[in-house]
Amino acid sequence: MFHSLWLFRIASNEVNGFFANIRISKASPDEVVDGSGSEYREFKEELKSAQEEISKNLLFLELHQALACLKNRYQDVITLRFFENKKVKESQKF
């Protein structure tokens, strides 16, 4: 019996501590709706950044798929020229 009360008290304290640490938004609903609130601007910036990152990743995947379709010697030339910054004459050896 004592152990269950003890566990209940620990769980209760943890729940209270969790909810005490949650940041409460002080923005009014009007600020959020019309886009004048700082939280809304932060959200928009994060969303834009995430969209740019997704675009870069999709472009990388398309490039990777296109390179995979080439013969190995052409892949080597492209790798030397564009990823290892070799000169054209150096990559012509392949």
PDB file of N, CA and C in Angstrom:
ATOM      1  N   MET A   1       0.822  -1.184   0.000  1.00  0.00           N
ATOM      2  CA  MET A   1       0.000   0.000   0.000  1.00  0.00           C
ATOM      3  C   MET A   1       0.869   1.251   0.000  1.00  0.00           C
ATOM      4  N   PHE A   2       1.903   1.279   0.833  1.00  0.00           N
ATOM      5  CA  PHE A   2       2.768   2.440   0.923  1.00  0.00           C
ATOM      6  C   PHE A   2       3.475   2.710  -0.397  1.00  0.00           C
ATOM      7  N   HIS A   3       3.881   1.631  -1.104  1.00  0.00           N
ATOM      8  CA  HIS A   3       4.594   1.784  -2.370  1.00  0.00           C
ATOM      9  C   HIS A   3       3.702   2.405  -3.445  1.00  0.00           C
ATOM     10  N   SER A   4       2.435   2.032  -3.459  1.00  0.00           N
ATOM     11  CA  SER A   4       1.551   2.593  -4.482  1.00  0.00           C
ATOM     12  C   SER A   4       1.314   4.080  -4.233  1.00  0.00           C
ATOM     13  N   LEU A   5       1.200   4.486  -2.975  1.00  0.00           N
ATOM     14  CA  LEU A   5       1.057   5.915  -2.675  1.00  0.00           C
ATOM     15  C   LEU A   5       2.322   6.682  -3.050  1.00  0.00           C
ATOM     16  N   TRP A   6       3.448   6.081  -2.792  1.00  0.00           N
ATOM     17  CA  TRP A   6       4.730   6.692  -3.112  1.00  0.00           C
ATOM     18  C   TRP A   6       4.875   6.868  -4.625  1.00  0.00           C
ATOM     19  N   LEU A   7       4.544   5.823  -5.392  1.00  0.00           N
ATOM     20  CA  LEU A   7       4.599   5.896  -6.851  1.00  0.00           C
ATOM     21  C   LEU A   7       3.600   6.925  -7.389  1.00  0.00           C
ATOM     22  N   PHE A   8       2.418   6.975  -6.804  1.00  0.00           N
ATOM     23  CA  PHE A   8       1.423   7.958  -7.228  1.00  0.00           C
ATOM     24  C   PHE A   8       1.940   9.373  -6.999  1.00  0.00           C
ATOM     25  N   ARG A   9       2.572   9.616  -5.864  1.00  0.00           N
ATOM     26  CA  ARG A   9       3.097  10.946  -5.548  1.00  0.00           C
ATOM     27  C   ARG A   9       4.205  11.318  -6.528  1.00  0.00           C
ATOM     28  N   ILE A  10       5.091  10.387  -6.863  1.00  0.00           N
ATOM     29  CA  ILE A  10       6.165  10.657  -7.827  1.00  0.00           C
ATOM     30  C   ILE A  10       5.571  10.980  -9.195  1.00  0.00           C
ATOM     31  N   ALA A  11       4.611  10.172  -9.635  1.00  0.00           N
ATOM     32  CA  ALA A  11       3.979  10.406 -10.935  1.00  0.00           C
ATOM     33  C   ALA A  11       3.268  11.746 -10.965  1.00  0.00           C
ATOM     34  N   SER A  12       2.584  12.065  -9.885  1.00  0.00           N
ATOM     35  CA  SER A  12       1.871  13.333  -9.790  1.00  0.00           C
ATOM     36  C   SER A  12       2.843  14.507  -9.865  1.00  0.00           C
ATOM     37  N   ASN A  13       3.961  14.410  -9.166  1.00  0.00           N
ATOM     38  CA  ASN A  13       4.966  15.473  -9.206  1.00  0.00           C
ATOM     39  C   ASN A  13       5.572  15.614 -10.604  1.00  0.00           C
ATOM     40  N   GLU A  14       5.808  14.516 -11.270  1.00  0.00           N
ATOM     41  CA  GLU A  14       6.358  14.558 -12.624  1.00  0.00           C
ATOM     42  C   GLU A  14       5.391  15.231 -13.587  1.00  0.00           C
ATOM     43  N   VAL A  15       4.114  14.900 -13.493  1.00  0.00           N
ATOM     44  CA  VAL A  15       3.101  15.515 -14.356  1.00  0.00           C
ATOM     45  C   VAL A  15       3.024  17.010 -14.094  1.00  0.00           C
ATOM     46  N   ASN A  16       2.999  17.382 -12.824  1.00  0.00           N
ATOM     47  CA  ASN A  16       2.949  18.804 -12.476  1.00  0.00           C
ATOM     48  C   ASN A  16       4.186  19.541 -12.983  1.00  0.00           C
ATOM     49  N   GLY A  17       5.343  18.920 -12.841  1.00  0.00           N
ATOM     50  CA  GLY A  17       6.575  19.529 -13.332  1.00  0.00           C
ATOM     51  C   GLY A  17       6.578  19.677 -14.838  1.00  0.00           C
ATOM     52  N   PHE A  18       6.044  18.687 -15.527  1.00  0.00           N
ATOM     53  CA  PHE A  18       5.979  18.746 -16.982  1.00  0.00           C
ATOM     54  C   PHE A  18       5.127  19.916 -17.440  1.00  0.00           C
ATOM     55  N   PHE A  19       3.935  20.040 -16.869  1.00  0.00           N
ATOM     56  CA  PHE A  19       3.031  21.107 -17.286  1.00  0.00           C
ATOM     57  C   PHE A  19       3.516  22.480 -16.816  1.00  0.00           C
ATOM     58  N   ALA A  20       4.289  22.535 -15.754  1.00  0.00           N
ATOM     59  CA  ALA A  20       4.824  23.810 -15.297  1.00  0.00           C
ATOM     60  C   ALA A  20       5.898  24.327 -16.247  1.00  0.00           C
ATOM     61  N   ASN A  21       6.580  23.422 -16.951  1.00  0.00           N
ATOM     62  CA  ASN A  21       7.661  23.811 -17.849  1.00  0.00           C
ATOM     63  C   ASN A  21       7.192  24.114 -19.270  1.00  0.00           C
ATOM     64  N   ILE A  22       5.951  23.861 -19.585  1.00  0.00           N
ATOM     65  CA  ILE A  22       5.448  24.148 -20.926  1.00  0.00           C
ATOM     66  C   ILE A  22       5.336  25.654 -21.103  1.00  0.00           C
ATOM     67  N   ARG A  23       5.873  26.128 -22.203  1.00  0.00           N
ATOM     68  CA  ARG A  23       5.819  27.563 -22.487  1.00  0.00           C
ATOM     69  C   ARG A  23       4.411  27.935 -22.933  1.00  0.00           C
ATOM     70  N   ILE A  24       3.837  28.876 -22.260  1.00  0.00           N
ATOM     71  CA  ILE A  24       2.482  29.316 -22.579  1.00  0.00           C
ATOM     72  C   ILE A  24       2.574  30.464 -23.563  1.00  0.00           C
ATOM     73  N   SER A  25       1.844  30.356 -24.649  1.00  0.00           N
ATOM     74  CA  SER A  25       1.848  31.400 -25.666  1.00  0.00           C
ATOM     75  C   SER A  25       1.137  32.634 -25.151  1.00  0.00           C
ATOM     76  N   LYS A  26       1.798  33.776 -25.303  1.00  0.00           N
ATOM     77  CA  LYS A  26       1.208  35.031 -24.872  1.00  0.00           C
ATOM     78  C   LYS A  26       0.668  35.827 -26.054  1.00  0.00           C
ATOM     79  N   ALA A  27       0.704  35.251 -27.235  1.00  0.00           N
ATOM     80  CA  ALA A  27       0.199  35.944 -28.420  1.00  0.00           C
ATOM     81  C   ALA A  27      -1.317  35.877 -28.431  1.00  0.00           C
ATOM     82  N   SER A  28      -1.902  36.964 -28.839  1.00  0.00           N
ATOM     83  CA  SER A  28      -3.357  36.971 -28.949  1.00  0.00           C
ATOM     84  C   SER A  28      -3.756  36.256 -30.234  1.00  0.00           C
ATOM     85  N   PRO A  29      -4.963  35.733 -30.296  1.00  0.00           N
ATOM     86  CA  PRO A  29      -5.404  35.062 -31.517  1.00  0.00           C
ATOM     87  C   PRO A  29      -5.335  35.969 -32.738  1.00  0.00           C
ATOM     88  N   ASP A  30      -5.573  37.264 -32.556  1.00  0.00           N
ATOM     89  CA  ASP A  30      -5.503  38.196 -33.685  1.00  0.00           C
ATOM     90  C   ASP A  30      -4.090  38.289 -34.238  1.00  0.00           C
ATOM     91  N   GLU A  31      -3.092  38.292 -33.357  1.00  0.00           N
ATOM     92  CA  GLU A  31      -1.704  38.359 -33.804  1.00  0.00           C
ATOM     93  C   GLU A  31      -1.330  37.124 -34.607  1.00  0.00           C
ATOM     94  N   VAL A  32      -1.808  35.975 -34.174  1.00  0.00           N
ATOM     95  CA  VAL A  32      -1.488  34.734 -34.879  1.00  0.00           C
ATOM     96  C   VAL A  32      -2.170  34.708 -36.233  1.00  0.00           C
ATOM     97  N   VAL A  33      -3.407  35.140 -36.300  1.00  0.00           N
ATOM     98  CA  VAL A  33      -4.166  35.090 -37.548  1.00  0.00           C
ATOM     99  C   VAL A  33      -3.632  36.079 -38.574  1.00  0.00           C
ATOM    100  N   ASP A  34      -3.354  37.311 -38.155  1.00  0.00           N
ATOM    101  CA  ASP A  34      -2.930  38.318 -39.129  1.00  0.00           C
ATOM    102  C   ASP A  34      -1.434  38.295 -39.403  1.00  0.00           C
ATOM    103  N   GLY A  35      -0.686  37.456 -38.725  1.00  0.00           N
ATOM    104  CA  GLY A  35       0.734  37.307 -39.015  1.00  0.00           C
ATOM    105  C   GLY A  35       1.624  38.347 -38.370  1.00  0.00           C
ATOM    106  N   SER A  36       1.133  39.087 -37.400  1.00  0.00           N
ATOM    107  CA  SER A  36       1.964  40.104 -36.761  1.00  0.00           C
ATOM    108  C   SER A  36       2.697  39.571 -35.533  1.00  0.00           C
ATOM    109  N   GLY A  37       2.348  38.401 -35.071  1.00  0.00           N
ATOM    110  CA  GLY A  37       2.985  37.836 -33.884  1.00  0.00           C
ATOM    111  C   GLY A  37       4.357  37.273 -34.205  1.00  0.00           C
ATOM    112  N   SER A  38       5.272  37.340 -33.242  1.00  0.00           N
ATOM    113  CA  SER A  38       6.633  36.846 -33.459  1.00  0.00           C
ATOM    114  C   SER A  38       6.651  35.331 -33.634  1.00  0.00           C
ATOM    115  N   GLU A  39       5.770  34.631 -32.951  1.00  0.00           N
ATOM    116  CA  GLU A  39       5.711  33.174 -33.096  1.00  0.00           C
ATOM    117  C   GLU A  39       5.307  32.795 -34.512  1.00  0.00           C
ATOM    118  N   TYR A  40       4.382  33.558 -35.077  1.00  0.00           N
ATOM    119  CA  TYR A  40       3.950  33.289 -36.446  1.00  0.00           C
ATOM    120  C   TYR A  40       5.102  33.523 -37.418  1.00  0.00           C
ATOM    121  N   ARG A  41       5.851  34.613 -37.217  1.00  0.00           N
ATOM    122  CA  ARG A  41       6.991  34.895 -38.097  1.00  0.00           C
ATOM    123  C   ARG A  41       8.055  33.814 -37.959  1.00  0.00           C
ATOM    124  N   GLU A  42       8.315  33.359 -36.745  1.00  0.00           N
ATOM    125  CA  GLU A  42       9.282  32.286 -36.529  1.00  0.00           C
ATOM    126  C   GLU A  42       8.830  31.013 -37.231  1.00  0.00           C
ATOM    127  N   PHE A  43       7.542  30.719 -37.126  1.00  0.00           N
ATOM    128  CA  PHE A  43       7.000  29.542 -37.787  1.00  0.00           C
ATOM    129  C   PHE A  43       7.177  29.637 -39.296  1.00  0.00           C
ATOM    130  N   LYS A  44       6.863  30.819 -39.860  1.00  0.00           N
ATOM    131  CA  LYS A  44       6.998  31.009 -41.308  1.00  0.00           C
ATOM    132  C   LYS A  44       8.457  30.846 -41.749  1.00  0.00           C
ATOM    133  N   GLU A  45       9.399  31.363 -40.962  1.00  0.00           N
ATOM    134  CA  GLU A  45      10.820  31.236 -41.280  1.00  0.00           C
ATOM    135  C   GLU A  45      11.259  29.775 -41.223  1.00  0.00           C
ATOM    136  N   GLU A  46      10.817  29.061 -40.201  1.00  0.00           N
ATOM    137  CA  GLU A  46      11.156  27.639 -40.088  1.00  0.00           C
ATOM    138  C   GLU A  46      10.558  26.847 -41.243  1.00  0.00           C
ATOM    139  N   LEU A  47       9.331  27.173 -41.614  1.00  0.00           N
ATOM    140  CA  LEU A  47       8.675  26.487 -42.720  1.00  0.00           C
ATOM    141  C   LEU A  47       9.423  26.740 -44.024  1.00  0.00           C
ATOM    142  N   LYS A  48       9.811  27.981 -44.264  1.00  0.00           N
ATOM    143  CA  LYS A  48      10.552  28.313 -45.483  1.00  0.00           C
ATOM    144  C   LYS A  48      11.884  27.577 -45.513  1.00  0.00           C
ATOM    145  N   SER A  49      12.585  27.554 -44.391  1.00  0.00           N
ATOM    146  CA  SER A  49      13.861  26.857 -44.296  1.00  0.00           C
ATOM    147  C   SER A  49      13.694  25.362 -44.565  1.00  0.00           C
ATOM    148  N   ALA A  50      12.649  24.769 -44.008  1.00  0.00           N
ATOM    149  CA  ALA A  50      12.392  23.344 -44.219  1.00  0.00           C
ATOM    150  C   ALA A  50      12.066  23.056 -45.679  1.00  0.00           C
ATOM    151  N   GLN A  51      11.293  23.939 -46.309  1.00  0.00           N
ATOM    152  CA  GLN A  51      10.955  23.749 -47.712  1.00  0.00           C
ATOM    153  C   GLN A  51      12.197  23.847 -48.602  1.00  0.00           C
ATOM    154  N   GLU A  52      13.093  24.782 -48.291  1.00  0.00           N
ATOM    155  CA  GLU A  52      14.339  24.905 -49.047  1.00  0.00           C
ATOM    156  C   GLU A  52      15.198  23.663 -48.890  1.00  0.00           C
ATOM    157  N   GLU A  53      15.250  23.133 -47.680  1.00  0.00           N
ATOM    158  CA  GLU A  53      16.037  21.919 -47.425  1.00  0.00           C
ATOM    159  C   GLU A  53      15.460  20.728 -48.190  1.00  0.00           C
ATOM    160  N   ILE A  54      14.150  20.623 -48.228  1.00  0.00           N
ATOM    161  CA  ILE A  54      13.503  19.535 -48.975  1.00  0.00           C
ATOM    162  C   ILE A  54      13.804  19.680 -50.460  1.00  0.00           C
ATOM    163  N   SER A  55      13.757  20.887 -50.984  1.00  0.00           N
ATOM    164  CA  SER A  55      14.065  21.118 -52.399  1.00  0.00           C
ATOM    165  C   SER A  55      15.493  20.702 -52.724  1.00  0.00           C
ATOM    166  N   LYS A  56      16.436  21.054 -51.835  1.00  0.00           N
ATOM    167  CA  LYS A  56      17.832  20.663 -52.046  1.00  0.00           C
ATOM    168  C   LYS A  56      17.972  19.143 -52.046  1.00  0.00           C
ATOM    169  N   ASN A  57      17.294  18.492 -51.111  1.00  0.00           N
ATOM    170  CA  ASN A  57      17.375  17.035 -51.028  1.00  0.00           C
ATOM    171  C   ASN A  57      16.770  16.374 -52.253  1.00  0.00           C
ATOM    172  N   LEU A  58      15.654  16.905 -52.739  1.00  0.00           N
ATOM    173  CA  LEU A  58      15.040  16.339 -53.941  1.00  0.00           C
ATOM    174  C   LEU A  58      15.938  16.527 -55.157  1.00  0.00           C
ATOM    175  N   LEU A  59      16.571  17.684 -55.262  1.00  0.00           N
ATOM    176  CA  LEU A  59      17.491  17.944 -56.363  1.00  0.00           C
ATOM    177  C   LEU A  59      18.677  16.989 -56.292  1.00  0.00           C
ATOM    178  N   PHE A  60      19.199  16.771 -55.079  1.00  0.00           N
ATOM    179  CA  PHE A  60      20.305  15.830 -54.901  1.00  0.00           C
ATOM    180  C   PHE A  60      19.895  14.424 -55.328  1.00  0.00           C
ATOM    181  N   LEU A  61      18.689  13.993 -54.960  1.00  0.00           N
ATOM    182  CA  LEU A  61      18.223  12.656 -55.346  1.00  0.00           C
ATOM    183  C   LEU A  61      18.082  12.535 -56.862  1.00  0.00           C
ATOM    184  N   GLU A  62      17.560  13.560 -57.505  1.00  0.00           N
ATOM    185  CA  GLU A  62      17.431  13.535 -58.960  1.00  0.00           C
ATOM    186  C   GLU A  62      18.799  13.454 -59.621  1.00  0.00           C
ATOM    187  N   LEU A  63      19.745  14.230 -59.116  1.00  0.00           N
ATOM    188  CA  LEU A  63      21.106  14.203 -59.650  1.00  0.00           C
ATOM    189  C   LEU A  63      21.738  12.836 -59.449  1.00  0.00           C
ATOM    190  N   HIS A  64      21.553  12.275 -58.278  1.00  0.00           N
ATOM    191  CA  HIS A  64      22.107  10.951 -57.987  1.00  0.00           C
ATOM    192  C   HIS A  64      21.522   9.892 -58.921  1.00  0.00           C
ATOM    193  N   GLN A  65      20.217   9.943 -59.149  1.00  0.00           N
ATOM    194  CA  GLN A  65      19.582   8.990 -60.055  1.00  0.00           C
ATOM    195  C   GLN A  65      20.078   9.165 -61.483  1.00  0.00           C
ATOM    196  N   ALA A  66      20.255  10.409 -61.916  1.00  0.00           N
ATOM    197  CA  ALA A  66      20.750  10.660 -63.274  1.00  0.00           C
ATOM    198  C   ALA A  66      22.181  10.153 -63.424  1.00  0.00           C
ATOM    199  N   LEU A  67      23.012  10.378 -62.423  1.00  0.00           N
ATOM    200  CA  LEU A  67      24.392   9.889 -62.487  1.00  0.00           C
ATOM    201  C   LEU A  67      24.455   8.367 -62.477  1.00  0.00           C
ATOM    202  N   ALA A  68      23.550   7.738 -61.769  1.00  0.00           N
ATOM    203  CA  ALA A  68      23.537   6.279 -61.695  1.00  0.00           C
ATOM    204  C   ALA A  68      23.223   5.647 -63.052  1.00  0.00           C
ATOM    205  N   CYS A  69      22.574   6.393 -63.931  1.00  0.00           N
ATOM    206  CA  CYS A  69      22.236   5.873 -65.253  1.00  0.00           C
ATOM    207  C   CYS A  69      23.421   5.917 -66.218  1.00  0.00           C
ATOM    208  N   LEU A  70      24.451   6.667 -65.878  1.00  0.00           N
ATOM    209  CA  LEU A  70      25.616   6.794 -66.758  1.00  0.00           C
ATOM    210  C   LEU A  70      26.566   5.622 -66.591  1.00  0.00           C
ATOM    211  N   LYS A  71      27.400   5.424 -67.619  1.00  0.00           N
ATOM    212  CA  LYS A  71      28.452   4.411 -67.517  1.00  0.00           C
ATOM    213  C   LYS A  71      29.456   4.866 -66.458  1.00  0.00           C
ATOM    214  N   ASN A  72      30.177   3.898 -65.907  1.00  0.00           N
ATOM    215  CA  ASN A  72      31.118   4.186 -64.818  1.00  0.00           C
ATOM    216  C   ASN A  72      32.174   5.208 -65.210  1.00  0.00           C
ATOM    217  N   ARG A  73      32.688   5.142 -66.421  1.00  0.00           N
ATOM    218  CA  ARG A  73      33.756   6.080 -66.801  1.00  0.00           C
ATOM    219  C   ARG A  73      33.226   7.512 -66.868  1.00  0.00           C
ATOM    220  N   TYR A  74      31.960   7.684 -67.292  1.00  0.00           N
ATOM    221  CA  TYR A  74      31.372   9.021 -67.313  1.00  0.00           C
ATOM    222  C   TYR A  74      31.106   9.520 -65.889  1.00  0.00           C
ATOM    223  N   GLN A  75      30.711   8.597 -65.033  1.00  0.00           N
ATOM    224  CA  GLN A  75      30.525   8.963 -63.624  1.00  0.00           C
ATOM    225  C   GLN A  75      31.842   9.436 -63.015  1.00  0.00           C
ATOM    226  N   ASP A  76      32.930   8.730 -63.358  1.00  0.00           N
ATOM    227  CA  ASP A  76      34.246   9.110 -62.841  1.00  0.00           C
ATOM    228  C   ASP A  76      34.650  10.507 -63.309  1.00  0.00           C
ATOM    229  N   VAL A  77      34.414  10.801 -64.582  1.00  0.00           N
ATOM    230  CA  VAL A  77      34.773  12.114 -65.125  1.00  0.00           C
ATOM    231  C   VAL A  77      33.978  13.214 -64.426  1.00  0.00           C
ATOM    232  N   ILE A  78      32.687  13.017 -64.269  1.00  0.00           N
ATOM    233  CA  ILE A  78      31.852  14.018 -63.608  1.00  0.00           C
ATOM    234  C   ILE A  78      32.272  14.196 -62.152  1.00  0.00           C
ATOM    235  N   THR A  79      32.583  13.101 -61.487  1.00  0.00           N
ATOM    236  CA  THR A  79      33.033  13.174 -60.096  1.00  0.00           C
ATOM    237  C   THR A  79      34.330  13.964 -59.989  1.00  0.00           C
ATOM    238  N   LEU A  80      35.288  13.666 -60.874  1.00  0.00           N
ATOM    239  CA  LEU A  80      36.554  14.392 -60.836  1.00  0.00           C
ATOM    240  C   LEU A  80      36.363  15.876 -61.122  1.00  0.00           C
ATOM    241  N   ARG A  81      35.580  16.175 -62.127  1.00  0.00           N
ATOM    242  CA  ARG A  81      35.425  17.559 -62.579  1.00  0.00           C
ATOM    243  C   ARG A  81      34.645  18.420 -61.587  1.00  0.00           C
ATOM    244  N   PHE A  82      33.531  17.925 -61.106  1.00  0.00           N
ATOM    245  CA  PHE A  82      32.640  18.775 -60.326  1.00  0.00           C
ATOM    246  C   PHE A  82      32.705  18.566 -58.813  1.00  0.00           C
ATOM    247  N   PHE A  83      33.114  17.393 -58.377  1.00  0.00           N
ATOM    248  CA  PHE A  83      33.137  17.143 -56.937  1.00  0.00           C
ATOM    249  C   PHE A  83      34.540  17.217 -56.349  1.00  0.00           C
ATOM    250  N   GLU A  84      35.542  16.915 -57.173  1.00  0.00           N
ATOM    251  CA  GLU A  84      36.920  16.996 -56.702  1.00  0.00           C
ATOM    252  C   GLU A  84      37.642  18.197 -57.296  1.00  0.00           C
ATOM    253  N   ASN A  85      36.920  19.012 -58.058  1.00  0.00           N
ATOM    254  CA  ASN A  85      37.435  20.265 -58.626  1.00  0.00           C
ATOM    255  C   ASN A  85      38.694  20.089 -59.463  1.00  0.00           C
ATOM    256  N   LYS A  86      38.760  18.999 -60.205  1.00  0.00           N
ATOM    257  CA  LYS A  86      39.878  18.781 -61.119  1.00  0.00           C
ATOM    258  C   LYS A  86      39.637  19.592 -62.384  1.00  0.00           C
ATOM    259  N   LYS A  87      40.730  19.914 -63.072  1.00  0.00           N
ATOM    260  CA  LYS A  87      40.612  20.660 -64.321  1.00  0.00           C
ATOM    261  C   LYS A  87      40.158  19.727 -65.439  1.00  0.00           C
ATOM    262  N   VAL A  88      39.696  20.333 -66.537  1.00  0.00           N
ATOM    263  CA  VAL A  88      39.175  19.549 -67.658  1.00  0.00           C
ATOM    264  C   VAL A  88      40.257  18.621 -68.196  1.00  0.00           C
ATOM    265  N   LYS A  89      41.485  19.120 -68.326  1.00  0.00           N
ATOM    266  CA  LYS A  89      42.576  18.294 -68.862  1.00  0.00           C
ATOM    267  C   LYS A  89      42.871  17.094 -67.963  1.00  0.00           C
ATOM    268  N   GLU A  90      42.745  17.287 -66.652  1.00  0.00           N
ATOM    269  CA  GLU A  90      42.973  16.183 -65.718  1.00  0.00           C
ATOM    270  C   GLU A  90      41.878  15.133 -65.836  1.00  0.00           C
ATOM    271  N   SER A  91      40.655  15.561 -66.075  1.00  0.00           N
ATOM    272  CA  SER A  91      39.555  14.602 -66.175  1.00  0.00           C
ATOM    273  C   SER A  91      39.489  13.964 -67.557  1.00  0.00           C
ATOM    274  N   GLN A  92      40.184  14.529 -68.551  1.00  0.00           N
ATOM    275  CA  GLN A  92      40.191  13.948 -69.892  1.00  0.00           C
ATOM    276  C   GLN A  92      40.960  12.637 -69.945  1.00  0.00           C
ATOM    277  N   LYS A  93      41.800  12.395 -68.987  1.00  0.00           N
ATOM    278  CA  LYS A  93      42.600  11.155 -68.974  1.00  0.00           C
ATOM    279  C   LYS A  93      41.717   9.929 -68.876  1.00  0.00           C
ATOM    280  N   PHE A  94      40.521  10.107 -68.394  1.00  0.00           N
ATOM    281  CA  PHE A  94      39.611   8.985 -68.265  1.00  0.00           C
ATOM    282  C   PHE A  94      38.862   8.831 -69.550  1.00  0.00           C
TER     283      PHE A  94
END
